[in-house]
Amino acid sequence: MSEQAVTARLKEATDNVLSAAPELMADKYKFDPFISVEDAETTKHATITPSKYTKTIRGVSVDVYDVLQAWGVSNPALQHLIKKALQCGQRGHKDSAQDLQDIIDSAIRAKELG
């Protein structure tokens, strides 16, 4: 696949993620998570320090690192790409165009790393 094709597919995927994000945060999707009696007795829930990377999804506070771990993303370039894509142009010091270029660069590097 050419670099131009990769860039086009990555932009399309990024646009899809960004367009879906407001729906994921809507109140109608939030619920109290189910915790079994056994889990409640044995599981200690660590609290996540609120930051610009912390979001409440379905009543559970998560950050990008929880997402990466849940999906088993171990490639560091992909981890970087996902973190950028989740807050493309919203971090304050780079605009969307620069973040998208960083995402593309990370995708190319991820492919190199395998």
PDB file of N, CA and C in Angstrom:
ATOM      1  N   MET A   1       0.852  -1.168   0.000  1.00  0.00           N
ATOM      2  CA  MET A   1       0.000   0.000   0.000  1.00  0.00           C
ATOM      3  C   MET A   1       0.900   1.234   0.000  1.00  0.00           C
ATOM      4  N   SER A   2       0.575   2.198  -0.840  1.00  0.00           N
ATOM      5  CA  SER A   2       1.404   3.396  -0.950  1.00  0.00           C
ATOM      6  C   SER A   2       1.248   4.272   0.282  1.00  0.00           C
ATOM      7  N   GLU A   3       2.215   5.153   0.465  1.00  0.00           N
ATOM      8  CA  GLU A   3       2.152   6.085   1.599  1.00  0.00           C
ATOM      9  C   GLU A   3       0.909   6.965   1.477  1.00  0.00           C
ATOM     10  N   GLN A   4       0.555   7.353   0.265  1.00  0.00           N
ATOM     11  CA  GLN A   4      -0.626   8.186   0.049  1.00  0.00           C
ATOM     12  C   GLN A   4      -1.899   7.426   0.446  1.00  0.00           C
ATOM     13  N   ALA A   5      -1.976   6.148   0.121  1.00  0.00           N
ATOM     14  CA  ALA A   5      -3.132   5.334   0.486  1.00  0.00           C
ATOM     15  C   ALA A   5      -3.204   5.162   1.998  1.00  0.00           C
ATOM     16  N   VAL A   6      -2.050   4.934   2.634  1.00  0.00           N
ATOM     17  CA  VAL A   6      -2.009   4.819   4.096  1.00  0.00           C
ATOM     18  C   VAL A   6      -2.480   6.117   4.731  1.00  0.00           C
ATOM     19  N   THR A   7      -2.009   7.236   4.213  1.00  0.00           N
ATOM     20  CA  THR A   7      -2.398   8.540   4.733  1.00  0.00           C
ATOM     21  C   THR A   7      -3.903   8.748   4.608  1.00  0.00           C
ATOM     22  N   ALA A   8      -4.475   8.410   3.456  1.00  0.00           N
ATOM     23  CA  ALA A   8      -5.910   8.579   3.244  1.00  0.00           C
ATOM     24  C   ALA A   8      -6.722   7.705   4.190  1.00  0.00           C
ATOM     25  N   ARG A   9      -6.295   6.435   4.348  1.00  0.00           N
ATOM     26  CA  ARG A   9      -7.022   5.528   5.242  1.00  0.00           C
ATOM     27  C   ARG A   9      -6.897   5.958   6.694  1.00  0.00           C
ATOM     28  N   LEU A  10      -5.733   6.441   7.080  1.00  0.00           N
ATOM     29  CA  LEU A  10      -5.524   6.902   8.447  1.00  0.00           C
ATOM     30  C   LEU A  10      -6.366   8.139   8.733  1.00  0.00           C
ATOM     31  N   LYS A  11      -6.434   9.069   7.782  1.00  0.00           N
ATOM     32  CA  LYS A  11      -7.257  10.266   7.959  1.00  0.00           C
ATOM     33  C   LYS A  11      -8.718   9.876   8.094  1.00  0.00           C
ATOM     34  N   GLU A  12      -9.187   8.933   7.271  1.00  0.00           N
ATOM     35  CA  GLU A  12     -10.577   8.481   7.348  1.00  0.00           C
ATOM     36  C   GLU A  12     -10.861   7.846   8.715  1.00  0.00           C
ATOM     37  N   ALA A  13      -9.945   7.005   9.190  1.00  0.00           N
ATOM     38  CA  ALA A  13     -10.129   6.355  10.491  1.00  0.00           C
ATOM     39  C   ALA A  13     -10.121   7.378  11.615  1.00  0.00           C
ATOM     40  N   THR A  14      -9.224   8.348  11.536  1.00  0.00           N
ATOM     41  CA  THR A  14      -9.153   9.403  12.556  1.00  0.00           C
ATOM     42  C   THR A  14     -10.436  10.207  12.573  1.00  0.00           C
ATOM     43  N   ASP A  15     -10.943  10.565  11.392  1.00  0.00           N
ATOM     44  CA  ASP A  15     -12.196  11.312  11.309  1.00  0.00           C
ATOM     45  C   ASP A  15     -13.349  10.518  11.913  1.00  0.00           C
ATOM     46  N   ASN A  16     -13.370   9.203  11.667  1.00  0.00           N
ATOM     47  CA  ASN A  16     -14.421   8.360  12.238  1.00  0.00           C
ATOM     48  C   ASN A  16     -14.351   8.334  13.759  1.00  0.00           C
ATOM     49  N   VAL A  17     -13.142   8.198  14.307  1.00  0.00           N
ATOM     50  CA  VAL A  17     -12.979   8.178  15.768  1.00  0.00           C
ATOM     51  C   VAL A  17     -13.405   9.511  16.362  1.00  0.00           C
ATOM     52  N   LEU A  18     -12.944  10.606  15.756  1.00  0.00           N
ATOM     53  CA  LEU A  18     -13.258  11.921  16.289  1.00  0.00           C
ATOM     54  C   LEU A  18     -14.739  12.244  16.187  1.00  0.00           C
ATOM     55  N   SER A  19     -15.400  11.787  15.132  1.00  0.00           N
ATOM     56  CA  SER A  19     -16.829  12.057  15.001  1.00  0.00           C
ATOM     57  C   SER A  19     -17.650  11.222  15.971  1.00  0.00           C
ATOM     58  N   ALA A  20     -17.150  10.060  16.370  1.00  0.00           N
ATOM     59  CA  ALA A  20     -17.870   9.192  17.302  1.00  0.00           C
ATOM     60  C   ALA A  20     -17.647   9.593  18.752  1.00  0.00           C
ATOM     61  N   ALA A  21     -16.575  10.298  19.044  1.00  0.00           N
ATOM     62  CA  ALA A  21     -16.212  10.611  20.435  1.00  0.00           C
ATOM     63  C   ALA A  21     -17.320  11.321  21.207  1.00  0.00           C
ATOM     64  N   PRO A  22     -18.007  12.338  20.660  1.00  0.00           N
ATOM     65  CA  PRO A  22     -19.069  12.984  21.445  1.00  0.00           C
ATOM     66  C   PRO A  22     -20.180  12.018  21.834  1.00  0.00           C
ATOM     67  N   GLU A  23     -20.532  11.075  20.950  1.00  0.00           N
ATOM     68  CA  GLU A  23     -21.567  10.104  21.273  1.00  0.00           C
ATOM     69  C   GLU A  23     -21.139   9.199  22.426  1.00  0.00           C
ATOM     70  N   LEU A  24     -19.849   8.862  22.469  1.00  0.00           N
ATOM     71  CA  LEU A  24     -19.359   7.994  23.533  1.00  0.00           C
ATOM     72  C   LEU A  24     -19.441   8.674  24.889  1.00  0.00           C
ATOM     73  N   MET A  25     -19.364   9.994  24.889  1.00  0.00           N
ATOM     74  CA  MET A  25     -19.381  10.730  26.141  1.00  0.00           C
ATOM     75  C   MET A  25     -20.786  11.185  26.538  1.00  0.00           C
ATOM     76  N   ALA A  26     -21.789  10.948  25.697  1.00  0.00           N
ATOM     77  CA  ALA A  26     -23.147  11.403  25.982  1.00  0.00           C
ATOM     78  C   ALA A  26     -23.686  10.708  27.227  1.00  0.00           C
ATOM     79  N   ASP A  27     -24.491  11.437  28.007  1.00  0.00           N
ATOM     80  CA  ASP A  27     -25.043  10.894  29.242  1.00  0.00           C
ATOM     81  C   ASP A  27     -25.867   9.632  29.019  1.00  0.00           C
ATOM     82  N   LYS A  28     -26.548   9.515  27.881  1.00  0.00           N
ATOM     83  CA  LYS A  28     -27.411   8.357  27.662  1.00  0.00           C
ATOM     84  C   LYS A  28     -26.636   7.045  27.621  1.00  0.00           C
ATOM     85  N   TYR A  29     -25.317   7.107  27.441  1.00  0.00           N
ATOM     86  CA  TYR A  29     -24.518   5.883  27.385  1.00  0.00           C
ATOM     87  C   TYR A  29     -23.868   5.542  28.726  1.00  0.00           C
ATOM     88  N   LYS A  30     -24.011   6.400  29.687  1.00  0.00           N
ATOM     89  CA  LYS A  30     -23.368   6.156  30.984  1.00  0.00           C
ATOM     90  C   LYS A  30     -24.245   5.246  31.838  1.00  0.00           C
ATOM     91  N   PHE A  31     -23.632   4.372  32.590  1.00  0.00           N
ATOM     92  CA  PHE A  31     -24.338   3.507  33.513  1.00  0.00           C
ATOM     93  C   PHE A  31     -23.392   3.149  34.647  1.00  0.00           C
ATOM     94  N   ASP A  32     -23.967   2.668  35.712  1.00  0.00           N
ATOM     95  CA  ASP A  32     -23.149   2.205  36.818  1.00  0.00           C
ATOM     96  C   ASP A  32     -22.611   0.827  36.464  1.00  0.00           C
ATOM     97  N   PRO A  33     -21.302   0.641  36.521  1.00  0.00           N
ATOM     98  CA  PRO A  33     -20.742  -0.655  36.147  1.00  0.00           C
ATOM     99  C   PRO A  33     -21.162  -1.745  37.123  1.00  0.00           C
ATOM    100  N   PHE A  34     -21.362  -2.958  36.605  1.00  0.00           N
ATOM    101  CA  PHE A  34     -21.695  -4.104  37.430  1.00  0.00           C
ATOM    102  C   PHE A  34     -20.427  -4.672  38.039  1.00  0.00           C
ATOM    103  N   ILE A  35     -20.448  -4.869  39.332  1.00  0.00           N
ATOM    104  CA  ILE A  35     -19.333  -5.510  40.017  1.00  0.00           C
ATOM    105  C   ILE A  35     -19.915  -6.654  40.836  1.00  0.00           C
ATOM    106  N   SER A  36     -19.412  -7.848  40.592  1.00  0.00           N
ATOM    107  CA  SER A  36     -19.924  -9.004  41.323  1.00  0.00           C
ATOM    108  C   SER A  36     -19.524  -8.902  42.794  1.00  0.00           C
ATOM    109  N   VAL A  37     -20.218  -9.654  43.619  1.00  0.00           N
ATOM    110  CA  VAL A  37     -19.909  -9.670  45.053  1.00  0.00           C
ATOM    111  C   VAL A  37     -18.475 -10.127  45.269  1.00  0.00           C
ATOM    112  N   GLU A  38     -18.052 -11.148  44.516  1.00  0.00           N
ATOM    113  CA  GLU A  38     -16.696 -11.664  44.657  1.00  0.00           C
ATOM    114  C   GLU A  38     -15.667 -10.601  44.289  1.00  0.00           C
ATOM    115  N   ASP A  39     -15.910  -9.911  43.160  1.00  0.00           N
ATOM    116  CA  ASP A  39     -14.982  -8.871  42.738  1.00  0.00           C
ATOM    117  C   ASP A  39     -14.945  -7.716  43.722  1.00  0.00           C
ATOM    118  N   ALA A  40     -16.078  -7.353  44.254  1.00  0.00           N
ATOM    119  CA  ALA A  40     -16.139  -6.245  45.201  1.00  0.00           C
ATOM    120  C   ALA A  40     -15.313  -6.541  46.444  1.00  0.00           C
ATOM    121  N   GLU A  41     -15.253  -7.811  46.835  1.00  0.00           N
ATOM    122  CA  GLU A  41     -14.491  -8.192  48.022  1.00  0.00           C
ATOM    123  C   GLU A  41     -12.991  -8.270  47.751  1.00  0.00           C
ATOM    124  N   THR A  42     -12.617  -8.637  46.528  1.00  0.00           N
ATOM    125  CA  THR A  42     -11.206  -8.882  46.254  1.00  0.00           C
ATOM    126  C   THR A  42     -10.532  -7.815  45.405  1.00  0.00           C
ATOM    127  N   THR A  43     -11.312  -6.994  44.734  1.00  0.00           N
ATOM    128  CA  THR A  43     -10.740  -6.022  43.806  1.00  0.00           C
ATOM    129  C   THR A  43     -10.665  -4.649  44.447  1.00  0.00           C
ATOM    130  N   LYS A  44      -9.518  -4.061  44.359  1.00  0.00           N
ATOM    131  CA  LYS A  44      -9.357  -2.681  44.801  1.00  0.00           C
ATOM    132  C   LYS A  44      -9.265  -1.834  43.548  1.00  0.00           C
ATOM    133  N   HIS A  45     -10.116  -0.832  43.467  1.00  0.00           N
ATOM    134  CA  HIS A  45     -10.142   0.030  42.293  1.00  0.00           C
ATOM    135  C   HIS A  45      -9.271   1.247  42.534  1.00  0.00           C
ATOM    136  N   ALA A  46      -8.221   1.357  41.758  1.00  0.00           N
ATOM    137  CA  ALA A  46      -7.344   2.511  41.866  1.00  0.00           C
ATOM    138  C   ALA A  46      -8.054   3.722  41.289  1.00  0.00           C
ATOM    139  N   THR A  47      -7.885   4.850  41.919  1.00  0.00           N
ATOM    140  CA  THR A  47      -8.484   6.059  41.385  1.00  0.00           C
ATOM    141  C   THR A  47      -7.494   6.702  40.436  1.00  0.00           C
ATOM    142  N   ILE A  48      -8.015   7.216  39.363  1.00  0.00           N
ATOM    143  CA  ILE A  48      -7.196   7.873  38.363  1.00  0.00           C
ATOM    144  C   ILE A  48      -7.218   9.366  38.649  1.00  0.00           C
ATOM    145  N   THR A  49      -6.044   9.961  38.695  1.00  0.00           N
ATOM    146  CA  THR A  49      -5.958  11.395  38.913  1.00  0.00           C
ATOM    147  C   THR A  49      -6.549  12.106  37.703  1.00  0.00           C
ATOM    148  N   PRO A  50      -7.550  12.969  37.911  1.00  0.00           N
ATOM    149  CA  PRO A  50      -8.157  13.660  36.775  1.00  0.00           C
ATOM    150  C   PRO A  50      -7.122  14.470  35.997  1.00  0.00           C
ATOM    151  N   SER A  51      -7.212  14.384  34.675  1.00  0.00           N
ATOM    152  CA  SER A  51      -6.342  15.149  33.796  1.00  0.00           C
ATOM    153  C   SER A  51      -7.063  15.332  32.482  1.00  0.00           C
ATOM    154  N   LYS A  52      -6.405  16.002  31.546  1.00  0.00           N
ATOM    155  CA  LYS A  52      -7.031  16.190  30.241  1.00  0.00           C
ATOM    156  C   LYS A  52      -7.131  14.874  29.473  1.00  0.00           C
ATOM    157  N   TYR A  53      -6.444  13.834  29.923  1.00  0.00           N
ATOM    158  CA  TYR A  53      -6.504  12.534  29.263  1.00  0.00           C
ATOM    159  C   TYR A  53      -7.504  11.590  29.923  1.00  0.00           C
ATOM    160  N   THR A  54      -8.089  11.979  31.039  1.00  0.00           N
ATOM    161  CA  THR A  54      -9.047  11.141  31.751  1.00  0.00           C
ATOM    162  C   THR A  54     -10.456  11.452  31.268  1.00  0.00           C
ATOM    163  N   LYS A  55     -11.212  10.407  30.955  1.00  0.00           N
ATOM    164  CA  LYS A  55     -12.596  10.544  30.524  1.00  0.00           C
ATOM    165  C   LYS A  55     -13.446   9.564  31.316  1.00  0.00           C
ATOM    166  N   THR A  56     -14.690   9.933  31.529  1.00  0.00           N
ATOM    167  CA  THR A  56     -15.628   9.022  32.163  1.00  0.00           C
ATOM    168  C   THR A  56     -16.456   8.382  31.062  1.00  0.00           C
ATOM    169  N   ILE A  57     -16.368   7.068  30.965  1.00  0.00           N
ATOM    170  CA  ILE A  57     -17.093   6.312  29.954  1.00  0.00           C
ATOM    171  C   ILE A  57     -17.969   5.298  30.669  1.00  0.00           C
ATOM    172  N   ARG A  58     -19.259   5.428  30.448  1.00  0.00           N
ATOM    173  CA  ARG A  58     -20.221   4.512  31.073  1.00  0.00           C
ATOM    174  C   ARG A  58     -20.015   4.423  32.579  1.00  0.00           C
ATOM    175  N   GLY A  59     -19.742   5.554  33.181  1.00  0.00           N
ATOM    176  CA  GLY A  59     -19.610   5.621  34.626  1.00  0.00           C
ATOM    177  C   GLY A  59     -18.252   5.217  35.170  1.00  0.00           C
ATOM    178  N   VAL A  60     -17.313   4.904  34.298  1.00  0.00           N
ATOM    179  CA  VAL A  60     -15.986   4.475  34.727  1.00  0.00           C
ATOM    180  C   VAL A  60     -14.955   5.488  34.244  1.00  0.00           C
ATOM    181  N   SER A  61     -14.102   5.937  35.146  1.00  0.00           N
ATOM    182  CA  SER A  61     -13.048   6.875  34.791  1.00  0.00           C
ATOM    183  C   SER A  61     -11.878   6.110  34.190  1.00  0.00           C
ATOM    184  N   VAL A  62     -11.511   6.473  32.949  1.00  0.00           N
ATOM    185  CA  VAL A  62     -10.409   5.807  32.255  1.00  0.00           C
ATOM    186  C   VAL A  62      -9.498   6.848  31.643  1.00  0.00           C
ATOM    187  N   ASP A  63      -8.282   6.431  31.356  1.00  0.00           N
ATOM    188  CA  ASP A  63      -7.382   7.292  30.600  1.00  0.00           C
ATOM    189  C   ASP A  63      -6.865   6.494  29.406  1.00  0.00           C
ATOM    190  N   VAL A  64      -6.109   7.148  28.575  1.00  0.00           N
ATOM    191  CA  VAL A  64      -5.646   6.516  27.339  1.00  0.00           C
ATOM    192  C   VAL A  64      -4.829   5.256  27.634  1.00  0.00           C
ATOM    193  N   TYR A  65      -4.137   5.220  28.744  1.00  0.00           N
ATOM    194  CA  TYR A  65      -3.320   4.057  29.071  1.00  0.00           C
ATOM    195  C   TYR A  65      -4.191   2.846  29.415  1.00  0.00           C
ATOM    196  N   ASP A  66      -5.360   3.074  30.017  1.00  0.00           N
ATOM    197  CA  ASP A  66      -6.311   1.984  30.258  1.00  0.00           C
ATOM    198  C   ASP A  66      -6.779   1.394  28.931  1.00  0.00           C
ATOM    199  N   VAL A  67      -7.062   2.279  27.971  1.00  0.00           N
ATOM    200  CA  VAL A  67      -7.517   1.841  26.650  1.00  0.00           C
ATOM    201  C   VAL A  67      -6.433   1.023  25.959  1.00  0.00           C
ATOM    202  N   LEU A  68      -5.205   1.534  25.983  1.00  0.00           N
ATOM    203  CA  LEU A  68      -4.092   0.819  25.347  1.00  0.00           C
ATOM    204  C   LEU A  68      -3.898  -0.560  25.967  1.00  0.00           C
ATOM    205  N   GLN A  69      -3.991  -0.628  27.282  1.00  0.00           N
ATOM    206  CA  GLN A  69      -3.811  -1.896  27.970  1.00  0.00           C
ATOM    207  C   GLN A  69      -4.972  -2.845  27.668  1.00  0.00           C
ATOM    208  N   ALA A  70      -6.205  -2.320  27.661  1.00  0.00           N
ATOM    209  CA  ALA A  70      -7.376  -3.166  27.408  1.00  0.00           C
ATOM    210  C   ALA A  70      -7.314  -3.803  26.026  1.00  0.00           C
ATOM    211  N   TRP A  71      -6.784  -3.084  25.057  1.00  0.00           N
ATOM    212  CA  TRP A  71      -6.692  -3.612  23.699  1.00  0.00           C
ATOM    213  C   TRP A  71      -5.346  -4.267  23.407  1.00  0.00           C
ATOM    214  N   GLY A  72      -4.457  -4.283  24.387  1.00  0.00           N
ATOM    215  CA  GLY A  72      -3.178  -4.959  24.218  1.00  0.00           C
ATOM    216  C   GLY A  72      -2.259  -4.303  23.202  1.00  0.00           C
ATOM    217  N   VAL A  73      -2.310  -2.988  23.117  1.00  0.00           N
ATOM    218  CA  VAL A  73      -1.462  -2.269  22.163  1.00  0.00           C
ATOM    219  C   VAL A  73      -0.061  -2.172  22.766  1.00  0.00           C
ATOM    220  N   SER A  74       0.886  -2.888  22.167  1.00  0.00           N
ATOM    221  CA  SER A  74       2.247  -2.907  22.722  1.00  0.00           C
ATOM    222  C   SER A  74       3.251  -2.162  21.851  1.00  0.00           C
ATOM    223  N   ASN A  75       2.917  -1.888  20.596  1.00  0.00           N
ATOM    224  CA  ASN A  75       3.810  -1.161  19.699  1.00  0.00           C
ATOM    225  C   ASN A  75       3.843   0.306  20.144  1.00  0.00           C
ATOM    226  N   PRO A  76       5.013   0.815  20.549  1.00  0.00           N
ATOM    227  CA  PRO A  76       5.074   2.179  21.074  1.00  0.00           C
ATOM    228  C   PRO A  76       4.646   3.245  20.062  1.00  0.00           C
ATOM    229  N   ALA A  77       4.896   3.021  18.790  1.00  0.00           N
ATOM    230  CA  ALA A  77       4.478   3.995  17.782  1.00  0.00           C
ATOM    231  C   ALA A  77       2.953   4.012  17.664  1.00  0.00           C
ATOM    232  N   LEU A  78       2.319   2.850  17.769  1.00  0.00           N
ATOM    233  CA  LEU A  78       0.855   2.802  17.756  1.00  0.00           C
ATOM    234  C   LEU A  78       0.276   3.448  19.011  1.00  0.00           C
ATOM    235  N   GLN A  79       0.929   3.230  20.143  1.00  0.00           N
ATOM    236  CA  GLN A  79       0.475   3.871  21.375  1.00  0.00           C
ATOM    237  C   GLN A  79       0.493   5.391  21.211  1.00  0.00           C
ATOM    238  N   HIS A  80       1.565   5.899  20.639  1.00  0.00           N
ATOM    239  CA  HIS A  80       1.702   7.332  20.414  1.00  0.00           C
ATOM    240  C   HIS A  80       0.617   7.827  19.452  1.00  0.00           C
ATOM    241  N   LEU A  81       0.393   7.078  18.386  1.00  0.00           N
ATOM    242  CA  LEU A  81      -0.619   7.419  17.385  1.00  0.00           C
ATOM    243  C   LEU A  81      -2.004   7.503  18.024  1.00  0.00           C
ATOM    244  N   ILE A  82      -2.365   6.520  18.815  1.00  0.00           N
ATOM    245  CA  ILE A  82      -3.692   6.482  19.431  1.00  0.00           C
ATOM    246  C   ILE A  82      -3.877   7.650  20.386  1.00  0.00           C
ATOM    247  N   LYS A  83      -2.867   7.931  21.182  1.00  0.00           N
ATOM    248  CA  LYS A  83      -2.956   9.058  22.118  1.00  0.00           C
ATOM    249  C   LYS A  83      -3.161  10.361  21.355  1.00  0.00           C
ATOM    250  N   LYS A  84      -2.429  10.551  20.267  1.00  0.00           N
ATOM    251  CA  LYS A  84      -2.593  11.757  19.442  1.00  0.00           C
ATOM    252  C   LYS A  84      -3.994  11.803  18.823  1.00  0.00           C
ATOM    253  N   ALA A  85      -4.465  10.664  18.294  1.00  0.00           N
ATOM    254  CA  ALA A  85      -5.753  10.627  17.608  1.00  0.00           C
ATOM    255  C   ALA A  85      -6.919  10.924  18.552  1.00  0.00           C
ATOM    256  N   LEU A  86      -6.811  10.484  19.787  1.00  0.00           N
ATOM    257  CA  LEU A  86      -7.896  10.708  20.734  1.00  0.00           C
ATOM    258  C   LEU A  86      -8.072  12.182  21.102  1.00  0.00           C
ATOM    259  N   GLN A  87      -7.027  12.983  20.948  1.00  0.00           N
ATOM    260  CA  GLN A  87      -7.136  14.408  21.284  1.00  0.00           C
ATOM    261  C   GLN A  87      -6.559  15.276  20.173  1.00  0.00           C
ATOM    262  N   CYS A  88      -6.801  14.883  18.949  1.00  0.00           N
ATOM    263  CA  CYS A  88      -6.252  15.583  17.795  1.00  0.00           C
ATOM    264  C   CYS A  88      -6.653  17.062  17.802  1.00  0.00           C
ATOM    265  N   GLY A  89      -5.643  17.926  17.856  1.00  0.00           N
ATOM    266  CA  GLY A  89      -5.871  19.362  17.818  1.00  0.00           C
ATOM    267  C   GLY A  89      -6.460  19.959  19.081  1.00  0.00           C
ATOM    268  N   GLN A  90      -6.568  19.191  20.143  1.00  0.00           N
ATOM    269  CA  GLN A  90      -7.218  19.663  21.378  1.00  0.00           C
ATOM    270  C   GLN A  90      -6.261  19.863  22.542  1.00  0.00           C
ATOM    271  N   ARG A  91      -4.986  19.627  22.320  1.00  0.00           N
ATOM    272  CA  ARG A  91      -4.046  19.666  23.438  1.00  0.00           C
ATOM    273  C   ARG A  91      -3.482  21.056  23.682  1.00  0.00           C
ATOM    274  N   GLY A  92      -3.733  21.986  22.757  1.00  0.00           N
ATOM    275  CA  GLY A  92      -3.343  23.366  23.007  1.00  0.00           C
ATOM    276  C   GLY A  92      -2.113  23.866  22.298  1.00  0.00           C
ATOM    277  N   HIS A  93      -1.087  23.037  22.128  1.00  0.00           N
ATOM    278  CA  HIS A  93       0.150  23.561  21.552  1.00  0.00           C
ATOM    279  C   HIS A  93       0.371  23.152  20.098  1.00  0.00           C
ATOM    280  N   LYS A  94      -0.473  22.278  19.551  1.00  0.00           N
ATOM    281  CA  LYS A  94      -0.385  21.897  18.138  1.00  0.00           C
ATOM    282  C   LYS A  94      -1.793  21.907  17.565  1.00  0.00           C
ATOM    283  N   ASP A  95      -1.917  22.312  16.293  1.00  0.00           N
ATOM    284  CA  ASP A  95      -3.228  22.295  15.661  1.00  0.00           C
ATOM    285  C   ASP A  95      -3.520  20.910  15.085  1.00  0.00           C
ATOM    286  N   SER A  96      -4.735  20.729  14.560  1.00  0.00           N
ATOM    287  CA  SER A  96      -5.147  19.439  14.018  1.00  0.00           C
ATOM    288  C   SER A  96      -4.241  18.975  12.884  1.00  0.00           C
ATOM    289  N   ALA A  97      -3.850  19.905  12.024  1.00  0.00           N
ATOM    290  CA  ALA A  97      -3.000  19.532  10.882  1.00  0.00           C
ATOM    291  C   ALA A  97      -1.673  18.944  11.356  1.00  0.00           C
ATOM    292  N   GLN A  98      -1.051  19.560  12.357  1.00  0.00           N
ATOM    293  CA  GLN A  98       0.223  19.045  12.867  1.00  0.00           C
ATOM    294  C   GLN A  98       0.026  17.710  13.571  1.00  0.00           C
ATOM    295  N   ASP A  99      -1.058  17.596  14.364  1.00  0.00           N
ATOM    296  CA  ASP A  99      -1.333  16.318  15.024  1.00  0.00           C
ATOM    297  C   ASP A  99      -1.594  15.218  14.000  1.00  0.00           C
ATOM    298  N   LEU A 100      -2.332  15.524  12.927  1.00  0.00           N
ATOM    299  CA  LEU A 100      -2.583  14.522  11.887  1.00  0.00           C
ATOM    300  C   LEU A 100      -1.278  14.091  11.221  1.00  0.00           C
ATOM    301  N   GLN A 101      -0.371  15.032  10.992  1.00  0.00           N
ATOM    302  CA  GLN A 101       0.921  14.665  10.415  1.00  0.00           C
ATOM    303  C   GLN A 101       1.702  13.779  11.381  1.00  0.00           C
ATOM    304  N   ASP A 102       1.660  14.098  12.673  1.00  0.00           N
ATOM    305  CA  ASP A 102       2.321  13.262  13.679  1.00  0.00           C
ATOM    306  C   ASP A 102       1.717  11.857  13.696  1.00  0.00           C
ATOM    307  N   ILE A 103       0.387  11.772  13.518  1.00  0.00           N
ATOM    308  CA  ILE A 103      -0.291  10.480  13.477  1.00  0.00           C
ATOM    309  C   ILE A 103       0.195   9.676  12.279  1.00  0.00           C
ATOM    310  N   ILE A 104       0.288  10.326  11.137  1.00  0.00           N
ATOM    311  CA  ILE A 104       0.772   9.659   9.922  1.00  0.00           C
ATOM    312  C   ILE A 104       2.202   9.169  10.122  1.00  0.00           C
ATOM    313  N   ASP A 105       3.046  10.039  10.665  1.00  0.00           N
ATOM    314  CA  ASP A 105       4.440   9.654  10.920  1.00  0.00           C
ATOM    315  C   ASP A 105       4.514   8.460  11.872  1.00  0.00           C
ATOM    316  N   SER A 106       3.671   8.464  12.887  1.00  0.00           N
ATOM    317  CA  SER A 106       3.647   7.346  13.841  1.00  0.00           C
ATOM    318  C   SER A 106       3.171   6.058  13.195  1.00  0.00           C
ATOM    319  N   ALA A 107       2.199   6.172  12.272  1.00  0.00           N
ATOM    320  CA  ALA A 107       1.712   4.973  11.573  1.00  0.00           C
ATOM    321  C   ALA A 107       2.812   4.369  10.707  1.00  0.00           C
ATOM    322  N   ILE A 108       3.553   5.223  10.043  1.00  0.00           N
ATOM    323  CA  ILE A 108       4.662   4.741   9.215  1.00  0.00           C
ATOM    324  C   ILE A 108       5.708   4.060  10.094  1.00  0.00           C
ATOM    325  N   ARG A 109       6.018   4.674  11.226  1.00  0.00           N
ATOM    326  CA  ARG A 109       7.009   4.084  12.147  1.00  0.00           C
ATOM    327  C   ARG A 109       6.497   2.771  12.736  1.00  0.00           C
ATOM    328  N   ALA A 110       5.190   2.725  13.053  1.00  0.00           N
ATOM    329  CA  ALA A 110       4.605   1.487  13.595  1.00  0.00           C
ATOM    330  C   ALA A 110       4.741   0.356  12.587  1.00  0.00           C
ATOM    331  N   LYS A 111       4.536   0.676  11.325  1.00  0.00           N
ATOM    332  CA  LYS A 111       4.673  -0.342  10.272  1.00  0.00           C
ATOM    333  C   LYS A 111       6.117  -0.826  10.187  1.00  0.00           C
ATOM    334  N   GLU A 112       7.082   0.094  10.341  1.00  0.00           N
ATOM    335  CA  GLU A 112       8.491  -0.286  10.337  1.00  0.00           C
ATOM    336  C   GLU A 112       8.823  -1.217  11.501  1.00  0.00           C
ATOM    337  N   LEU A 113       8.234  -0.924  12.656  1.00  0.00           N
ATOM    338  CA  LEU A 113       8.499  -1.743  13.846  1.00  0.00           C
ATOM    339  C   LEU A 113       7.820  -3.104  13.785  1.00  0.00           C
ATOM    340  N   GLY A 114       6.779  -3.188  12.990  1.00  0.00           N
ATOM    341  CA  GLY A 114       6.069  -4.468  12.824  1.00  0.00           C
ATOM    342  C   GLY A 114       5.059  -4.665  13.837  1.00  0.00           C
TER     343      GLY A 114
END
